[in-house]
């Protein structure tokens, strides 16, 4: 939630701002907040943003309760253990 937003498109930024607010304080979401999503994404797209935000918030709270590492930490450990980036070879597609 603290990463740089400068590379986001206006539509992506609208989704991220909404997702942050929904994640931090779900009861603070207003009709106006959802209206901004509908303006950017339409009815179906706005619903998708809400649904995905809720899915991620649930999984984050679930994994936090299990004291699992964050994604950034998991990637760091992967690089430390295996070195480099994970890439599929042509053999993986056969």
Protein backbone atom coordinates (compact mmCIF):
# COMPACT_ATOMS: atom_id res chain seq x y z
CA UNK A 1 0.00 0.00 0.00
CA UNK A 2 3.01 2.27 0.14
CA UNK A 3 4.38 1.83 -3.39
CA UNK A 4 4.77 4.62 -5.91
CA UNK A 5 1.60 5.39 -7.89
CA UNK A 6 3.17 7.64 -10.53
CA UNK A 7 3.26 4.90 -13.18
CA UNK A 8 -0.47 4.16 -12.87
CA UNK A 9 -3.02 5.22 -15.46
CA UNK A 10 -5.92 7.36 -14.22
CA UNK A 11 -8.17 4.29 -14.33
CA UNK A 12 -5.68 2.16 -12.38
CA UNK A 13 -5.24 4.96 -9.85
CA UNK A 14 -9.01 5.17 -9.32
CA UNK A 15 -9.08 1.43 -8.57
CA UNK A 16 -6.08 1.63 -6.24
CA UNK A 17 -7.43 4.61 -4.29
CA UNK A 18 -10.77 2.85 -3.85
CA UNK A 19 -9.06 -0.43 -2.87
CA UNK A 20 -6.93 1.30 -0.25
CA UNK A 21 -9.94 2.98 1.30
CA UNK A 22 -11.99 -0.23 1.26
CA UNK A 23 -9.12 -2.19 2.79
CA UNK A 24 -8.28 0.32 5.53
CA UNK A 25 -11.81 1.29 6.57
CA UNK A 26 -14.57 -0.72 4.85
CA UNK A 27 -17.36 1.11 6.67
CA UNK A 28 -16.14 4.44 5.31
CA UNK A 29 -17.03 3.61 1.69
CA UNK A 30 -19.82 5.83 0.38
CA UNK A 31 -22.09 5.80 -2.66
CA UNK A 32 -19.90 8.59 -4.05
CA UNK A 33 -16.81 6.35 -3.80
CA UNK A 34 -18.56 3.59 -5.69
CA UNK A 35 -19.90 6.13 -8.17
CA UNK A 36 -16.34 7.12 -9.08
CA UNK A 37 -15.59 3.47 -9.83
CA UNK A 38 -18.71 3.17 -11.97
CA UNK A 39 -17.67 6.28 -13.88
CA UNK A 40 -14.24 4.77 -14.63
CA UNK A 41 -15.18 1.12 -15.12
CA UNK A 42 -18.93 0.88 -15.72
CA UNK A 43 -21.25 -1.21 -13.58
CA UNK A 44 -19.61 -4.58 -14.20
CA UNK A 45 -16.07 -3.25 -13.94
CA UNK A 46 -16.79 -1.42 -10.69
CA UNK A 47 -18.22 -4.60 -9.22
CA UNK A 48 -15.10 -6.50 -10.33
CA UNK A 49 -12.85 -3.95 -8.58
CA UNK A 50 -14.83 -4.37 -5.35
CA UNK A 51 -14.85 -8.17 -5.62
CA UNK A 52 -11.12 -8.43 -6.30
CA UNK A 53 -10.29 -5.96 -3.54
CA UNK A 54 -12.35 -8.00 -1.08
CA UNK A 55 -10.70 -11.24 -2.24
CA UNK A 56 -7.21 -9.83 -1.76
CA UNK A 57 -8.10 -8.26 1.60
CA UNK A 58 -9.47 -11.60 2.80
CA UNK A 59 -6.40 -13.53 1.69
CA UNK A 60 -4.04 -10.96 3.21
CA UNK A 61 -5.84 -11.11 6.54
CA UNK A 62 -5.90 -14.92 6.37
CA UNK A 63 -2.18 -15.24 5.60
CA UNK A 64 -1.31 -12.55 8.17
CA UNK A 65 -3.10 -14.64 10.78
CA UNK A 66 -0.92 -17.60 9.81
CA UNK A 67 2.17 -15.35 10.03
CA UNK A 68 3.14 -16.11 6.43
CA UNK A 69 5.60 -13.72 4.77
CA UNK A 70 4.43 -10.95 2.48
CA UNK A 71 4.76 -11.40 -1.28
CA UNK A 72 7.78 -9.10 -1.37
CA UNK A 73 9.45 -11.11 1.38
CA UNK A 74 8.61 -14.40 -0.33
CA UNK A 75 10.13 -13.14 -3.60
CA UNK A 76 13.25 -11.96 -1.74
CA UNK A 77 13.66 -15.38 -0.12
CA UNK A 78 13.11 -17.11 -3.47
CA UNK A 79 15.86 -15.03 -5.05
CA UNK A 80 18.13 -15.67 -2.08
CA UNK A 81 17.58 -19.45 -2.21
CA UNK A 82 17.34 -20.07 -5.96
CA UNK A 83 19.03 -16.99 -7.42
CA UNK A 84 17.70 -14.99 -10.35
CA UNK A 85 14.22 -14.85 -11.75
CA UNK A 86 11.96 -17.80 -12.30
CA UNK A 87 11.38 -18.32 -16.00
CA UNK A 88 9.65 -21.08 -17.89
CA UNK A 89 11.59 -22.97 -20.48
CA UNK A 90 10.12 -24.52 -23.61
CA UNK A 91 10.39 -27.87 -21.83
CA UNK A 92 7.76 -26.67 -19.29
CA UNK A 93 5.17 -26.31 -22.07
CA UNK A 94 5.45 -29.86 -23.43
